[in-house]
Amino acid sequence: MTDMERFAGKKVEFITLGCKLNFAESSSIGRTLADAGFTRCKRGERADVVIVNTCSVTDVADKKGRQAIHRAVRQHPGAYVVVTGCYAQLKPGEVAAIEGVDLVLGTNEKINLPDFLNDVDRKRASGEYRVSPFREIREFRPICSADDRTRHFLKVQDGCDYFCTYCTIPFARGRSRNATIAETLAVAEKAIADGAKEIVLTGVNTGDFGRSTGETFFDLIRALDSVEAEVRYRISSIEPNLLTDAMIEFVASSRHFAHHFHIPLQSGSDTVLSLMRRRYDTALFAHKIHTVKALMPDAFIGVDIMTGMRGETPDCFEESRAFIGGLPVSQLHVFTYSERKGTKALDIDYAVPMAERRRRNEVLQRLSDSKLREFYKSQIGTEGTVLWEDSRSGGMMHGFTGNYIRLERKYDARMVNIFERVTIGDGDATPSFLKNV
């Protein structure tokens, strides 16, 4: 019996948590299952198989993973429940012990997930899990997936060799690795031929692309920019020490790359950066931000910032807050530190009380709101190119400009996946921040 015959009529539901990389991988798995005969569940339908793709960047992410699993079991009684992702890789026994879980797959194994579903009606094997030690996580293939969105996500890299003291991601994702530029470019070109108008370059440590092939991330973005097509690229996240001035200059003059950067800082205190074992200091970070803004005054710059890290004294936090406040960034993605088993940060004596961690998070969130409002207002009256997405809410649709301003207009199906040149704040091109920020 072929897979198409075995799985014909079977319905699959995906619950995906965490980063863009997870969404890209879920979409890729979904396409593979569709090729094998599965169909995606529609709203209100019960699934035969539920795939829960988890995150584990913080203990809050672990909690959300458990909640998602319980919800899947409750909403799809009798379904075969498969849990994968970083939480599954790091804590497979804990995940397998959750009532209703049938299979737990680690990072290598989820790529080959269809191989584990040859008989979804077999007797339940609760507690079964297959996880590779992180040093054996070597699988990689570039994928480009839309996940039912207009924007596509191109997975160019996976894994990380940095081992920051607070982070478990290297253990969940393995060592840094990638395909060749030629292989990656071929995947992007196919997505473009299939209708992709915006492609987001994703990875765990995106700027480390080329480590396993002797190439560089700069080589990759130049190759992508040479493609003759109506397409826009975004760089999802890149470490400041890997974002060279030459790359910034290239993006400023490129044909296809958006004036949009996501640059993790984690702390604006050099003392804390040292405790984290980050590979830059505040002087280098500030240089990158000012270089971007000098060459691209309209650029949107998102910044990851962590608060409550062990060793972050009140003075360190105030130093960090003041440093961030003085930078021309557009938005902060604020994370509250949580202790992770097996990390070196646990050896640091000073622990910030949880109530204080939450207070610091709120302080930085307010700073982020102020930064975002200031940036959006600075763009009113300027021109931008928006790509309208296939989404409808209250008779409206939305899209993003190249510099990541979210705009709304009356829904028009003819405009889906279409670039439109607009004056921001004029007529239908209304910035959603006027309502929500």
Foldseek 3Di string as FASTA:
>chain_A
DALQVQCAPAEEEEAEDDDPVRLQLVQVVVVVNVVSHYDYDDPPDAGQEYEYAFEPFFVVRVVVSLVVQVVNCVSHPNHAYEYEYQNCQVCVQVVLPRPPHQEGEADQCSSVVVVVVSDSPDPGRRRYYDYDFQQPQDDDAWAWGQSQKLEIETEFKEADDQQFQQGDRNRRIHHIDGDDLVRSLVNVVVVVVVQRAEYEYDYPARQPGPPHPVDGSLVNVVVNLPDPHNHAYEHPEHELVSCDLVNLLCLLPTDHYFLEYEYEDQFQAQVVCVNRSPDDHNVSVLVVQVSSCVSPVLAAYEYEYEPQQQVCDPVRLVSRVVSVLPTLHAAYDYHYRHHDPPGNSVVRPGGDDPVVSVVSSVVRRVSRLVSNVVSLVVQQQPKFKWAWMPDDDPQKTWTATSNGFIFIFGDDVVRHRHIDIDRCCPDRRDGCVVPVD
